[in-house]
Amino acid sequence: MTSRVLFVSPAMNASLREARFDDGAPLDDRGLTAARAAAGSLSAPAASAIVVSDSPRCRGTAEALGLGPVTAPRELTGMDMGRWRGRTLHEVSAGEPEAVARWLTDPDCAPPGGESVAAFCARVARWLDTAPTGDGRIVAVVEPEVVRAAAVHATGAPPAALWRIDVAPLTVTEFSGRSGRWNVRLGHALDTP
């Protein structure tokens, strides 16, 4: 049976605007307004399941879209940035240039106390390949890096390709297929009036 998974990236917040590793900030007023304007754009066909990453911006986006507060499994949470959480790449690079350089070039290298790109991509791939969709589709509101990791897996790209994929706020990236064979329709904007 063909599975269909729609990954929705969250609306903007101050952390995304500042290129800050997730710090748990909720949507700001502009992001909330944009998400509310897109409410109802995922209504047809109906979702058989809705999952929402456990970050405030994903929960806020899902709520504004009218999708409900269903929490996603651990496999669909954002990348664990360890002690870099809440800091910008510039800040981290100034204080730990060698660690950042290794992390950006070696997918098996993790931020201090965090998760490597390879491990992160593997957990997202595990979920994608085992996600039950039944007769419908899954709608998942997740962090942008989760969408990128799913695209890496679906296309068979190496984990280092994660850095070469951009995911815009309030876009849908569709995956259809089954374990081992996925087709990807890259991020299209949610419809707004």
N, C-alpha and C. Protein backbone atom coordinates (compact mmCIF):
# COMPACT_ATOMS: atom_id res chain seq x y z
N MET A 1 0.83 -1.18 0.00
CA MET A 1 0.00 0.00 0.00
C MET A 1 0.89 1.25 0.00
N THR A 2 0.50 2.24 -0.76
CA THR A 2 1.24 3.49 -0.82
C THR A 2 0.91 4.35 0.39
N SER A 3 1.94 4.87 1.00
CA SER A 3 1.79 5.79 2.13
C SER A 3 1.93 7.22 1.63
N ARG A 4 1.27 8.12 2.33
CA ARG A 4 1.38 9.54 1.99
C ARG A 4 1.59 10.32 3.28
N VAL A 5 2.70 11.02 3.34
CA VAL A 5 3.04 11.81 4.52
C VAL A 5 3.29 13.24 4.09
N LEU A 6 2.60 14.18 4.73
CA LEU A 6 2.79 15.60 4.44
C LEU A 6 3.49 16.23 5.64
N PHE A 7 4.72 16.67 5.44
CA PHE A 7 5.45 17.38 6.49
C PHE A 7 5.21 18.87 6.32
N VAL A 8 4.72 19.51 7.37
CA VAL A 8 4.45 20.95 7.38
C VAL A 8 5.50 21.61 8.26
N SER A 9 6.20 22.59 7.72
CA SER A 9 7.19 23.31 8.53
C SER A 9 6.47 24.42 9.30
N PRO A 10 6.98 24.73 10.50
CA PRO A 10 6.29 25.72 11.34
C PRO A 10 6.41 27.14 10.80
N ALA A 11 5.52 27.98 11.28
CA ALA A 11 5.59 29.41 10.96
C ALA A 11 6.82 30.02 11.63
N MET A 12 7.13 31.23 11.25
CA MET A 12 8.31 31.94 11.76
C MET A 12 8.16 32.32 13.23
N ASN A 13 9.29 32.43 13.87
CA ASN A 13 9.37 33.03 15.19
C ASN A 13 10.71 33.75 15.28
N ALA A 14 10.96 34.41 16.39
CA ALA A 14 12.19 35.19 16.54
C ALA A 14 13.43 34.32 16.40
N SER A 15 13.40 33.10 16.92
CA SER A 15 14.56 32.22 16.84
C SER A 15 14.92 31.89 15.39
N LEU A 16 13.91 31.58 14.58
CA LEU A 16 14.17 31.28 13.16
C LEU A 16 14.72 32.51 12.44
N ARG A 17 14.18 33.68 12.75
CA ARG A 17 14.66 34.91 12.11
C ARG A 17 16.11 35.19 12.46
N GLU A 18 16.51 34.83 13.68
CA GLU A 18 17.88 35.07 14.14
C GLU A 18 18.82 33.91 13.83
N ALA A 19 18.33 32.87 13.13
CA ALA A 19 19.11 31.66 12.84
C ALA A 19 19.67 31.07 14.12
N ARG A 20 18.81 31.00 15.13
CA ARG A 20 19.17 30.48 16.44
C ARG A 20 18.76 29.02 16.53
N PHE A 21 19.64 28.15 17.07
CA PHE A 21 19.25 26.78 17.33
C PHE A 21 18.06 26.83 18.27
N ASP A 22 17.07 25.99 18.02
CA ASP A 22 15.80 26.06 18.75
C ASP A 22 16.01 26.31 20.23
N ASP A 23 15.31 27.32 20.72
CA ASP A 23 15.41 27.67 22.13
C ASP A 23 14.06 27.57 22.84
N GLY A 24 13.10 26.93 22.19
CA GLY A 24 11.80 26.77 22.82
C GLY A 24 10.89 27.98 22.73
N ALA A 25 11.23 28.94 21.88
CA ALA A 25 10.41 30.15 21.73
C ALA A 25 9.13 29.82 20.96
N PRO A 26 8.02 30.42 21.38
CA PRO A 26 6.76 30.21 20.64
C PRO A 26 6.74 31.05 19.37
N LEU A 27 5.67 30.92 18.61
CA LEU A 27 5.49 31.77 17.44
C LEU A 27 5.41 33.22 17.87
N ASP A 28 5.91 34.12 17.04
CA ASP A 28 5.71 35.54 17.32
C ASP A 28 4.43 35.98 16.60
N ASP A 29 4.06 37.25 16.74
CA ASP A 29 2.80 37.73 16.18
C ASP A 29 2.72 37.54 14.66
N ARG A 30 3.81 37.83 13.95
CA ARG A 30 3.80 37.67 12.49
C ARG A 30 3.63 36.21 12.10
N GLY A 31 4.33 35.31 12.79
CA GLY A 31 4.21 33.88 12.50
C GLY A 31 2.82 33.37 12.79
N LEU A 32 2.26 33.79 13.91
CA LEU A 32 0.91 33.36 14.28
C LEU A 32 -0.12 33.86 13.27
N THR A 33 0.00 35.10 12.84
CA THR A 33 -0.91 35.65 11.84
C THR A 33 -0.82 34.87 10.53
N ALA A 34 0.40 34.55 10.10
CA ALA A 34 0.59 33.79 8.85
C ALA A 34 -0.01 32.39 8.97
N ALA A 35 0.20 31.74 10.10
CA ALA A 35 -0.35 30.39 10.29
C ALA A 35 -1.87 30.42 10.32
N ARG A 36 -2.44 31.39 10.99
CA ARG A 36 -3.91 31.50 11.03
C ARG A 36 -4.48 31.74 9.64
N ALA A 37 -3.76 32.52 8.82
CA ALA A 37 -4.23 32.79 7.46
C ALA A 37 -4.24 31.53 6.60
N ALA A 38 -3.40 30.55 6.95
CA ALA A 38 -3.32 29.31 6.18
C ALA A 38 -4.24 28.22 6.74
N ALA A 39 -4.97 28.52 7.80
CA ALA A 39 -5.87 27.52 8.40
C ALA A 39 -6.86 27.00 7.36
N GLY A 40 -7.08 25.71 7.37
CA GLY A 40 -8.01 25.09 6.44
C GLY A 40 -7.39 24.66 5.13
N SER A 41 -6.14 25.00 4.89
CA SER A 41 -5.52 24.68 3.60
C SER A 41 -5.11 23.21 3.49
N LEU A 42 -5.18 22.45 4.58
CA LEU A 42 -4.84 21.03 4.55
C LEU A 42 -6.07 20.15 4.71
N SER A 43 -7.23 20.68 4.45
CA SER A 43 -8.46 19.97 4.79
C SER A 43 -8.86 18.84 3.83
N ALA A 44 -8.41 18.83 2.59
CA ALA A 44 -8.87 17.78 1.68
C ALA A 44 -7.68 17.13 0.99
N PRO A 45 -7.58 15.83 0.94
CA PRO A 45 -8.42 14.89 1.67
C PRO A 45 -8.08 14.87 3.15
N ALA A 46 -8.96 14.34 3.94
CA ALA A 46 -8.78 14.32 5.38
C ALA A 46 -7.57 13.49 5.77
N ALA A 47 -6.93 13.90 6.85
CA ALA A 47 -5.78 13.16 7.37
C ALA A 47 -6.26 11.98 8.20
N SER A 48 -5.57 10.85 8.05
CA SER A 48 -5.88 9.70 8.90
C SER A 48 -5.17 9.83 10.24
N ALA A 49 -4.11 10.64 10.27
CA ALA A 49 -3.38 10.89 11.51
C ALA A 49 -2.71 12.25 11.44
N ILE A 50 -2.60 12.88 12.59
CA ILE A 50 -1.90 14.15 12.70
C ILE A 50 -0.87 13.98 13.81
N VAL A 51 0.36 14.37 13.52
CA VAL A 51 1.40 14.36 14.54
C VAL A 51 2.06 15.74 14.56
N VAL A 52 2.45 16.16 15.74
CA VAL A 52 3.01 17.50 15.92
C VAL A 52 4.25 17.40 16.79
N SER A 53 5.36 17.91 16.28
CA SER A 53 6.60 17.92 17.05
C SER A 53 6.37 18.71 18.34
N ASP A 54 7.07 18.34 19.39
CA ASP A 54 6.81 18.89 20.71
C ASP A 54 7.51 20.22 20.99
N SER A 55 7.77 21.01 19.96
CA SER A 55 8.34 22.34 20.19
C SER A 55 7.19 23.35 20.24
N PRO A 56 7.35 24.44 20.99
CA PRO A 56 6.28 25.45 21.04
C PRO A 56 5.90 26.01 19.68
N ARG A 57 6.87 26.20 18.78
CA ARG A 57 6.51 26.77 17.47
C ARG A 57 5.73 25.77 16.62
N CYS A 58 6.03 24.48 16.73
CA CYS A 58 5.26 23.47 15.98
C CYS A 58 3.87 23.32 16.58
N ARG A 59 3.77 23.27 17.90
CA ARG A 59 2.45 23.17 18.54
C ARG A 59 1.61 24.40 18.22
N GLY A 60 2.22 25.60 18.25
CA GLY A 60 1.51 26.83 17.93
C GLY A 60 1.05 26.87 16.49
N THR A 61 1.89 26.39 15.58
CA THR A 61 1.52 26.34 14.16
C THR A 61 0.36 25.38 13.95
N ALA A 62 0.45 24.20 14.55
CA ALA A 62 -0.63 23.21 14.40
C ALA A 62 -1.94 23.75 14.93
N GLU A 63 -1.89 24.38 16.08
CA GLU A 63 -3.11 24.95 16.67
C GLU A 63 -3.70 26.03 15.77
N ALA A 64 -2.84 26.92 15.25
CA ALA A 64 -3.32 28.00 14.37
C ALA A 64 -3.89 27.45 13.07
N LEU A 65 -3.37 26.31 12.60
CA LEU A 65 -3.88 25.68 11.39
C LEU A 65 -5.13 24.86 11.65
N GLY A 66 -5.50 24.72 12.93
CA GLY A 66 -6.69 23.95 13.29
C GLY A 66 -6.45 22.45 13.28
N LEU A 67 -5.21 22.03 13.53
CA LEU A 67 -4.88 20.61 13.45
C LEU A 67 -4.90 19.88 14.79
N GLY A 68 -4.99 20.57 15.87
CA GLY A 68 -5.05 19.88 17.16
C GLY A 68 -3.68 19.59 17.74
N PRO A 69 -3.61 19.40 19.02
CA PRO A 69 -2.33 19.25 19.73
C PRO A 69 -1.88 17.81 19.93
N VAL A 70 -1.70 17.05 18.86
CA VAL A 70 -1.23 15.67 18.98
C VAL A 70 0.30 15.68 18.96
N THR A 71 0.93 15.08 19.94
CA THR A 71 2.39 15.09 20.03
C THR A 71 3.00 14.01 19.16
N ALA A 72 4.07 14.36 18.48
CA ALA A 72 4.77 13.42 17.60
C ALA A 72 5.66 12.49 18.41
N PRO A 73 5.99 11.36 17.84
CA PRO A 73 6.94 10.46 18.49
C PRO A 73 8.33 11.09 18.53
N ARG A 74 9.19 10.57 19.37
CA ARG A 74 10.56 11.07 19.53
C ARG A 74 11.29 11.17 18.19
N GLU A 75 11.03 10.24 17.28
CA GLU A 75 11.73 10.26 15.99
C GLU A 75 11.50 11.54 15.21
N LEU A 76 10.41 12.26 15.49
CA LEU A 76 10.10 13.47 14.73
C LEU A 76 10.37 14.76 15.49
N THR A 77 11.10 14.70 16.59
CA THR A 77 11.50 15.93 17.27
C THR A 77 12.71 16.51 16.55
N GLY A 78 12.95 17.80 16.77
CA GLY A 78 14.09 18.44 16.14
C GLY A 78 15.41 17.86 16.62
N MET A 79 16.47 18.21 15.93
CA MET A 79 17.80 17.70 16.27
C MET A 79 18.21 18.21 17.66
N ASP A 80 18.77 17.33 18.46
CA ASP A 80 19.24 17.68 19.80
C ASP A 80 20.57 18.42 19.65
N MET A 81 20.57 19.70 19.98
CA MET A 81 21.76 20.53 19.81
C MET A 81 22.61 20.62 21.07
N GLY A 82 22.26 19.86 22.09
CA GLY A 82 23.09 19.84 23.29
C GLY A 82 23.27 21.22 23.87
N ARG A 83 24.51 21.54 24.25
CA ARG A 83 24.74 22.84 24.89
C ARG A 83 24.70 24.02 23.93
N TRP A 84 24.55 23.75 22.62
CA TRP A 84 24.41 24.83 21.65
C TRP A 84 22.96 25.32 21.54
N ARG A 85 22.06 24.63 22.18
CA ARG A 85 20.64 25.00 22.10
C ARG A 85 20.45 26.47 22.50
N GLY A 86 19.69 27.19 21.69
CA GLY A 86 19.38 28.58 21.98
C GLY A 86 20.41 29.58 21.51
N ARG A 87 21.53 29.12 21.00
CA ARG A 87 22.58 30.01 20.53
C ARG A 87 22.56 30.06 19.00
N THR A 88 23.12 31.13 18.44
CA THR A 88 23.23 31.23 16.98
C THR A 88 24.50 30.49 16.53
N LEU A 89 24.53 30.13 15.26
CA LEU A 89 25.72 29.50 14.72
C LEU A 89 26.92 30.43 14.85
N HIS A 90 26.70 31.72 14.67
CA HIS A 90 27.79 32.70 14.80
C HIS A 90 28.35 32.68 16.23
N GLU A 91 27.48 32.67 17.22
CA GLU A 91 27.93 32.64 18.62
C GLU A 91 28.73 31.38 18.92
N VAL A 92 28.22 30.25 18.47
CA VAL A 92 28.90 28.98 18.73
C VAL A 92 30.23 28.95 17.99
N SER A 93 30.24 29.43 16.75
CA SER A 93 31.48 29.43 15.96
C SER A 93 32.55 30.31 16.61
N ALA A 94 32.15 31.41 17.21
CA ALA A 94 33.12 32.30 17.86
C ALA A 94 33.76 31.62 19.07
N GLY A 95 32.98 30.84 19.80
CA GLY A 95 33.49 30.20 21.01
C GLY A 95 34.09 28.83 20.82
N GLU A 96 33.62 28.09 19.80
CA GLU A 96 34.06 26.70 19.58
C GLU A 96 34.27 26.45 18.08
N PRO A 97 35.17 27.19 17.45
CA PRO A 97 35.29 27.07 15.99
C PRO A 97 35.64 25.67 15.50
N GLU A 98 36.52 24.95 16.21
CA GLU A 98 36.89 23.61 15.75
C GLU A 98 35.73 22.63 15.88
N ALA A 99 34.98 22.73 16.96
CA ALA A 99 33.83 21.83 17.15
C ALA A 99 32.77 22.08 16.08
N VAL A 100 32.52 23.34 15.76
CA VAL A 100 31.55 23.67 14.72
C VAL A 100 32.03 23.17 13.36
N ALA A 101 33.29 23.37 13.06
CA ALA A 101 33.83 22.91 11.77
C ALA A 101 33.69 21.40 11.64
N ARG A 102 33.99 20.66 12.70
CA ARG A 102 33.83 19.19 12.66
C ARG A 102 32.37 18.81 12.47
N TRP A 103 31.48 19.47 13.20
CA TRP A 103 30.05 19.16 13.13
C TRP A 103 29.50 19.42 11.72
N LEU A 104 29.95 20.49 11.09
CA LEU A 104 29.46 20.84 9.75
C LEU A 104 30.04 19.96 8.64
N THR A 105 31.15 19.31 8.88
CA THR A 105 31.79 18.51 7.83
C THR A 105 31.74 17.00 8.08
N ASP A 106 31.52 16.59 9.31
CA ASP A 106 31.49 15.16 9.64
C ASP A 106 30.11 14.79 10.19
N PRO A 107 29.27 14.11 9.41
CA PRO A 107 27.92 13.78 9.86
C PRO A 107 27.87 12.91 11.12
N ASP A 108 28.98 12.28 11.48
CA ASP A 108 29.01 11.46 12.69
C ASP A 108 29.44 12.24 13.93
N CYS A 109 29.79 13.50 13.77
CA CYS A 109 30.21 14.35 14.88
C CYS A 109 28.98 15.08 15.46
N ALA A 110 28.85 15.04 16.78
CA ALA A 110 27.69 15.66 17.44
C ALA A 110 28.12 16.92 18.18
N PRO A 111 27.22 17.89 18.34
CA PRO A 111 27.51 19.02 19.21
C PRO A 111 27.70 18.49 20.63
N PRO A 112 28.44 19.17 21.48
CA PRO A 112 28.64 18.69 22.85
C PRO A 112 27.30 18.42 23.55
N GLY A 113 27.11 17.17 23.95
CA GLY A 113 25.87 16.78 24.62
C GLY A 113 24.69 16.62 23.68
N GLY A 114 24.92 16.69 22.38
CA GLY A 114 23.82 16.63 21.42
C GLY A 114 23.86 15.40 20.53
N GLU A 115 23.32 15.54 19.34
CA GLU A 115 23.09 14.43 18.43
C GLU A 115 23.79 14.70 17.10
N SER A 116 24.38 13.69 16.52
CA SER A 116 25.04 13.85 15.22
C SER A 116 23.99 13.93 14.10
N VAL A 117 24.39 14.51 12.99
CA VAL A 117 23.52 14.58 11.81
C VAL A 117 23.16 13.18 11.35
N ALA A 118 24.12 12.26 11.34
CA ALA A 118 23.86 10.89 10.90
C ALA A 118 22.82 10.21 11.78
N ALA A 119 22.96 10.34 13.11
CA ALA A 119 22.00 9.73 14.03
C ALA A 119 20.62 10.37 13.87
N PHE A 120 20.58 11.67 13.70
CA PHE A 120 19.32 12.38 13.51
C PHE A 120 18.62 11.91 12.23
N CYS A 121 19.36 11.86 11.12
CA CYS A 121 18.78 11.40 9.86
C CYS A 121 18.28 9.97 9.98
N ALA A 122 19.00 9.13 10.70
CA ALA A 122 18.60 7.72 10.86
C ALA A 122 17.30 7.60 11.63
N ARG A 123 17.10 8.41 12.67
CA ARG A 123 15.85 8.28 13.43
C ARG A 123 14.66 8.80 12.65
N VAL A 124 14.84 9.86 11.86
CA VAL A 124 13.74 10.35 11.01
C VAL A 124 13.42 9.30 9.94
N ALA A 125 14.44 8.70 9.34
CA ALA A 125 14.25 7.66 8.32
C ALA A 125 13.50 6.46 8.89
N ARG A 126 13.84 6.07 10.12
CA ARG A 126 13.16 4.94 10.78
C ARG A 126 11.66 5.22 10.88
N TRP A 127 11.33 6.43 11.29
CA TRP A 127 9.91 6.77 11.42
C TRP A 127 9.23 6.76 10.05
N LEU A 128 9.86 7.39 9.06
CA LEU A 128 9.24 7.47 7.74
C LEU A 128 8.99 6.07 7.17
N ASP A 129 9.91 5.17 7.36
CA ASP A 129 9.77 3.83 6.80
C ASP A 129 8.80 2.93 7.57
N THR A 130 8.39 3.34 8.75
CA THR A 130 7.46 2.51 9.53
C THR A 130 6.16 3.22 9.86
N ALA A 131 5.97 4.43 9.35
CA ALA A 131 4.77 5.22 9.66
C ALA A 131 3.52 4.56 9.07
N PRO A 132 2.56 4.21 9.91
CA PRO A 132 1.32 3.62 9.38
C PRO A 132 0.39 4.71 8.88
N THR A 133 -0.08 4.59 7.65
CA THR A 133 -1.02 5.59 7.14
C THR A 133 -2.39 5.01 6.84
N GLY A 134 -2.53 3.69 6.88
CA GLY A 134 -3.84 3.10 6.63
C GLY A 134 -4.35 3.50 5.27
N ASP A 135 -5.59 4.00 5.25
CA ASP A 135 -6.21 4.40 3.98
C ASP A 135 -6.07 5.89 3.71
N GLY A 136 -5.42 6.61 4.58
CA GLY A 136 -5.35 8.06 4.40
C GLY A 136 -3.95 8.58 4.32
N ARG A 137 -3.73 9.68 4.94
CA ARG A 137 -2.43 10.33 4.93
C ARG A 137 -2.11 10.84 6.32
N ILE A 138 -0.85 11.03 6.55
CA ILE A 138 -0.39 11.60 7.81
C ILE A 138 0.02 13.05 7.54
N VAL A 139 -0.43 13.94 8.40
CA VAL A 139 0.03 15.32 8.37
C VAL A 139 0.89 15.50 9.61
N ALA A 140 2.13 15.95 9.42
CA ALA A 140 3.08 16.11 10.53
C ALA A 140 3.64 17.52 10.53
N VAL A 141 3.39 18.26 11.59
CA VAL A 141 3.97 19.60 11.74
C VAL A 141 5.27 19.41 12.51
N VAL A 142 6.38 19.65 11.83
CA VAL A 142 7.69 19.33 12.38
C VAL A 142 8.71 20.43 12.09
N GLU A 143 9.80 20.40 12.82
CA GLU A 143 10.87 21.37 12.61
C GLU A 143 11.46 21.22 11.21
N PRO A 144 11.97 22.31 10.63
CA PRO A 144 12.53 22.25 9.27
C PRO A 144 13.60 21.18 9.08
N GLU A 145 14.42 20.95 10.10
CA GLU A 145 15.48 19.95 9.94
C GLU A 145 14.92 18.53 9.83
N VAL A 146 13.73 18.30 10.39
CA VAL A 146 13.09 16.99 10.24
C VAL A 146 12.68 16.79 8.79
N VAL A 147 12.14 17.82 8.17
CA VAL A 147 11.76 17.74 6.75
C VAL A 147 13.01 17.48 5.91
N ARG A 148 14.09 18.18 6.22
CA ARG A 148 15.34 17.99 5.47
C ARG A 148 15.86 16.57 5.62
N ALA A 149 15.81 16.02 6.84
CA ALA A 149 16.29 14.65 7.07
C ALA A 149 15.44 13.64 6.31
N ALA A 150 14.13 13.86 6.26
CA ALA A 150 13.25 12.96 5.51
C ALA A 150 13.58 13.03 4.02
N ALA A 151 13.87 14.22 3.50
CA ALA A 151 14.23 14.38 2.09
C ALA A 151 15.56 13.69 1.80
N VAL A 152 16.51 13.78 2.72
CA VAL A 152 17.79 13.09 2.56
C VAL A 152 17.54 11.59 2.42
N HIS A 153 16.72 11.04 3.29
CA HIS A 153 16.43 9.61 3.26
C HIS A 153 15.69 9.22 1.97
N ALA A 154 14.67 9.98 1.63
CA ALA A 154 13.84 9.64 0.47
C ALA A 154 14.63 9.66 -0.84
N THR A 155 15.60 10.54 -0.94
CA THR A 155 16.36 10.65 -2.17
C THR A 155 17.63 9.79 -2.17
N GLY A 156 17.92 9.15 -1.03
CA GLY A 156 19.12 8.33 -0.94
C GLY A 156 20.40 9.14 -0.83
N ALA A 157 20.27 10.42 -0.49
CA ALA A 157 21.45 11.28 -0.36
C ALA A 157 22.19 10.95 0.94
N PRO A 158 23.47 11.28 1.02
CA PRO A 158 24.21 11.06 2.26
C PRO A 158 23.77 12.07 3.32
N PRO A 159 23.95 11.75 4.61
CA PRO A 159 23.54 12.67 5.67
C PRO A 159 24.11 14.08 5.52
N ALA A 160 25.31 14.23 4.96
CA ALA A 160 25.91 15.56 4.79
C ALA A 160 25.06 16.45 3.89
N ALA A 161 24.19 15.87 3.07
CA ALA A 161 23.32 16.67 2.19
C ALA A 161 22.27 17.44 2.98
N LEU A 162 22.10 17.13 4.25
CA LEU A 162 21.13 17.86 5.09
C LEU A 162 21.35 19.37 5.00
N TRP A 163 22.63 19.78 4.92
CA TRP A 163 22.96 21.21 4.88
C TRP A 163 22.64 21.85 3.54
N ARG A 164 22.29 21.09 2.54
CA ARG A 164 22.05 21.62 1.20
C ARG A 164 20.57 21.75 0.86
N ILE A 165 19.72 21.51 1.83
CA ILE A 165 18.28 21.56 1.60
C ILE A 165 17.68 22.68 2.45
N ASP A 166 16.97 23.58 1.82
CA ASP A 166 16.28 24.65 2.56
C ASP A 166 14.80 24.32 2.66
N VAL A 167 14.22 24.63 3.79
CA VAL A 167 12.79 24.42 4.02
C VAL A 167 12.22 25.74 4.53
N ALA A 168 11.37 26.34 3.73
CA ALA A 168 10.77 27.62 4.09
C ALA A 168 9.65 27.42 5.11
N PRO A 169 9.38 28.44 5.93
CA PRO A 169 8.28 28.36 6.90
C PRO A 169 6.93 28.18 6.19
N LEU A 170 6.04 27.47 6.86
CA LEU A 170 4.67 27.23 6.38
C LEU A 170 4.62 26.65 4.97
N THR A 171 5.46 25.66 4.75
CA THR A 171 5.42 24.93 3.49
C THR A 171 5.12 23.47 3.78
N VAL A 172 4.62 22.78 2.75
CA VAL A 172 4.32 21.36 2.84
C VAL A 172 5.25 20.62 1.90
N THR A 173 5.91 19.61 2.41
CA THR A 173 6.73 18.72 1.59
C THR A 173 6.07 17.35 1.66
N GLU A 174 5.67 16.82 0.50
CA GLU A 174 4.89 15.58 0.44
C GLU A 174 5.77 14.39 0.09
N PHE A 175 5.56 13.30 0.81
CA PHE A 175 6.25 12.04 0.55
C PHE A 175 5.18 11.00 0.24
N SER A 176 5.39 10.28 -0.86
CA SER A 176 4.47 9.19 -1.17
C SER A 176 5.30 7.98 -1.57
N GLY A 177 4.82 6.82 -1.20
CA GLY A 177 5.53 5.59 -1.51
C GLY A 177 5.44 4.63 -0.35
N ARG A 178 6.54 3.94 -0.11
CA ARG A 178 6.62 2.98 0.99
C ARG A 178 8.08 2.81 1.36
N SER A 179 8.32 2.09 2.42
CA SER A 179 9.68 1.87 2.91
C SER A 179 10.60 1.46 1.78
N GLY A 180 11.69 2.17 1.65
CA GLY A 180 12.67 1.83 0.62
C GLY A 180 12.47 2.54 -0.70
N ARG A 181 11.30 3.12 -0.92
CA ARG A 181 11.05 3.83 -2.18
C ARG A 181 10.09 4.97 -1.93
N TRP A 182 10.62 6.17 -1.98
CA TRP A 182 9.81 7.36 -1.72
C TRP A 182 9.91 8.33 -2.88
N ASN A 183 8.81 9.00 -3.17
CA ASN A 183 8.79 10.13 -4.08
C ASN A 183 8.59 11.37 -3.23
N VAL A 184 9.20 12.47 -3.65
CA VAL A 184 9.14 13.70 -2.86
C VAL A 184 8.64 14.84 -3.73
N ARG A 185 7.65 15.55 -3.20
CA ARG A 185 7.21 16.81 -3.82
C ARG A 185 7.67 17.90 -2.87
N LEU A 186 8.67 18.65 -3.29
CA LEU A 186 9.31 19.61 -2.40
C LEU A 186 8.39 20.76 -2.03
N GLY A 187 8.71 21.37 -0.90
CA GLY A 187 7.92 22.38 -0.24
C GLY A 187 7.13 23.35 -1.08
N HIS A 188 5.83 23.25 -0.99
CA HIS A 188 4.96 24.26 -1.59
C HIS A 188 4.25 25.00 -0.46
N ALA A 189 3.99 26.26 -0.67
CA ALA A 189 3.39 27.09 0.37
C ALA A 189 1.97 26.65 0.67
N LEU A 190 1.60 26.75 1.95
CA LEU A 190 0.22 26.53 2.32
C LEU A 190 -0.62 27.63 1.70
N ASP A 191 -1.80 27.30 1.25
CA ASP A 191 -2.67 28.28 0.63
C ASP A 191 -3.16 29.27 1.67
N THR A 192 -3.14 30.54 1.31
CA THR A 192 -3.72 31.59 2.16
C THR A 192 -4.67 32.41 1.32
N PRO A 193 -5.70 32.97 1.96
CA PRO A 193 -6.67 33.74 1.19
C PRO A 193 -6.08 34.98 0.54
